[in-house]
Amino acid sequence: MKPIKLHSTYSMVTETYALHVEYSYYYDSGDYYQPPEEEVEIKSVYLDDMDITDFYWDWIDDRLDDNIYEHARGQL
């Protein structure tokens, strides 16, 4: 299987806010010699219409990481 690279947006929408994380996802299933490999690269983060990418890196990154990986895997 050849490597997969996709671009998508993870969104969390509630009654009071909308959070959108734009990311790139890379997945390679590997082979006999190389193990599987995956990587998510965050491109930008918006809270409603405000760019909070720097705030995301400073305070939120670890809390959303698993959710973004699950979202990316669901896009395959």
C-alpha atoms as a PDB file:
ATOM      1  CA  MET A   1       0.000   0.000   0.000  1.00  0.00           C
ATOM      2  CA  LYS A   2       1.398   3.379  -0.914  1.00  0.00           C
ATOM      3  CA  PRO A   3       1.652   6.177   1.693  1.00  0.00           C
ATOM      4  CA  ILE A   4      -1.413   8.365   2.270  1.00  0.00           C
ATOM      5  CA  LYS A   5      -1.320  12.107   2.861  1.00  0.00           C
ATOM      6  CA  LEU A   6      -4.489  14.076   3.421  1.00  0.00           C
ATOM      7  CA  HIS A   7      -5.508  17.541   4.540  1.00  0.00           C
ATOM      8  CA  SER A   8      -8.595  17.961   6.692  1.00  0.00           C
ATOM      9  CA  THR A   9     -10.237  19.990   9.452  1.00  0.00           C
ATOM     10  CA  TYR A  10     -11.170  18.665  12.868  1.00  0.00           C
ATOM     11  CA  SER A  11     -14.120  20.638  14.259  1.00  0.00           C
ATOM     12  CA  MET A  12     -15.650  20.793  17.709  1.00  0.00           C
ATOM     13  CA  VAL A  13     -18.873  22.825  17.658  1.00  0.00           C
ATOM     14  CA  THR A  14     -20.978  23.609  20.722  1.00  0.00           C
ATOM     15  CA  GLU A  15     -23.741  26.106  21.451  1.00  0.00           C
ATOM     16  CA  THR A  16     -21.210  28.717  22.606  1.00  0.00           C
ATOM     17  CA  TYR A  17     -18.136  28.207  20.407  1.00  0.00           C
ATOM     18  CA  ALA A  18     -16.690  26.511  17.337  1.00  0.00           C
ATOM     19  CA  LEU A  19     -13.112  25.206  17.323  1.00  0.00           C
ATOM     20  CA  HIS A  20     -11.554  24.245  13.964  1.00  0.00           C
ATOM     21  CA  VAL A  21      -8.125  22.633  13.619  1.00  0.00           C
ATOM     22  CA  GLU A  22      -6.707  22.419  10.092  1.00  0.00           C
ATOM     23  CA  TYR A  23      -4.142  19.646   9.753  1.00  0.00           C
ATOM     24  CA  SER A  24      -2.194  17.380   7.420  1.00  0.00           C
ATOM     25  CA  TYR A  25      -2.058  13.639   8.116  1.00  0.00           C
ATOM     26  CA  TYR A  26       0.522  11.208   6.781  1.00  0.00           C
ATOM     27  CA  TYR A  27       0.214   7.429   7.046  1.00  0.00           C
ATOM     28  CA  ASP A  28       2.456   4.687   5.696  1.00  0.00           C
ATOM     29  CA  SER A  29       1.451   1.104   6.465  1.00  0.00           C
ATOM     30  CA  GLY A  30       5.071  -0.006   6.270  1.00  0.00           C
ATOM     31  CA  ASP A  31       6.326  -3.298   4.948  1.00  0.00           C
ATOM     32  CA  TYR A  32       8.379  -6.264   6.064  1.00  0.00           C
ATOM     33  CA  TYR A  33      11.377  -4.015   6.792  1.00  0.00           C
ATOM     34  CA  GLN A  34       9.724  -0.790   7.970  1.00  0.00           C
ATOM     35  CA  PRO A  35       7.067  -0.484  10.695  1.00  0.00           C
ATOM     36  CA  PRO A  36       3.870   1.526  10.129  1.00  0.00           C
ATOM     37  CA  GLU A  37       4.296   5.286  10.484  1.00  0.00           C
ATOM     38  CA  GLU A  38       1.839   8.147  10.999  1.00  0.00           C
ATOM     39  CA  GLU A  39       2.154  11.865  11.660  1.00  0.00           C
ATOM     40  CA  VAL A  40      -0.193  14.817  12.128  1.00  0.00           C
ATOM     41  CA  GLU A  41       0.955  18.359  11.362  1.00  0.00           C
ATOM     42  CA  ILE A  42      -1.234  21.170  12.690  1.00  0.00           C
ATOM     43  CA  LYS A  43      -1.546  23.990  10.156  1.00  0.00           C
ATOM     44  CA  SER A  44      -3.872  26.435  11.962  1.00  0.00           C
ATOM     45  CA  VAL A  45      -6.401  26.624  14.781  1.00  0.00           C
ATOM     46  CA  TYR A  46      -9.450  28.883  14.913  1.00  0.00           C
ATOM     47  CA  LEU A  47     -11.826  29.601  17.763  1.00  0.00           C
ATOM     48  CA  ASP A  48     -14.918  30.967  16.053  1.00  0.00           C
ATOM     49  CA  ASP A  49     -13.260  33.383  13.585  1.00  0.00           C
ATOM     50  CA  MET A  50     -10.156  34.118  15.673  1.00  0.00           C
ATOM     51  CA  ASP A  51      -6.788  32.556  14.801  1.00  0.00           C
ATOM     52  CA  ILE A  52      -5.482  31.006  18.041  1.00  0.00           C
ATOM     53  CA  THR A  53      -2.720  28.848  16.571  1.00  0.00           C
ATOM     54  CA  ASP A  54      -0.018  30.211  18.911  1.00  0.00           C
ATOM     55  CA  PHE A  55      -2.308  29.772  21.938  1.00  0.00           C
ATOM     56  CA  TYR A  56      -2.987  26.212  20.804  1.00  0.00           C
ATOM     57  CA  TRP A  57       0.734  25.388  20.759  1.00  0.00           C
ATOM     58  CA  ASP A  58       1.296  27.006  24.153  1.00  0.00           C
ATOM     59  CA  TRP A  59      -1.666  25.542  26.066  1.00  0.00           C
ATOM     60  CA  ILE A  60      -3.893  23.040  24.255  1.00  0.00           C
ATOM     61  CA  ASP A  61      -1.779  20.806  21.984  1.00  0.00           C
ATOM     62  CA  ASP A  62      -1.596  17.707  24.219  1.00  0.00           C
ATOM     63  CA  ARG A  63      -5.292  17.768  25.124  1.00  0.00           C
ATOM     64  CA  LEU A  64      -6.553  17.522  21.514  1.00  0.00           C
ATOM     65  CA  ASP A  65      -3.810  15.372  19.999  1.00  0.00           C
ATOM     66  CA  ASP A  66      -5.640  12.034  20.397  1.00  0.00           C
ATOM     67  CA  ASN A  67      -8.908  13.455  19.024  1.00  0.00           C
ATOM     68  CA  ILE A  68      -7.166  14.772  15.908  1.00  0.00           C
ATOM     69  CA  TYR A  69      -5.420  11.434  15.250  1.00  0.00           C
ATOM     70  CA  GLU A  70      -8.771   9.600  15.571  1.00  0.00           C
ATOM     71  CA  HIS A  71     -10.408  12.095  13.189  1.00  0.00           C
ATOM     72  CA  ALA A  72      -7.606  11.659  10.636  1.00  0.00           C
ATOM     73  CA  ARG A  73      -7.798   7.835  10.810  1.00  0.00           C
ATOM     74  CA  GLY A  74     -11.553   8.074  10.230  1.00  0.00           C
ATOM     75  CA  GLN A  75     -10.899   9.976   6.974  1.00  0.00           C
ATOM     76  CA  LEU A  76      -9.045   7.007   5.431  1.00  0.00           C
END
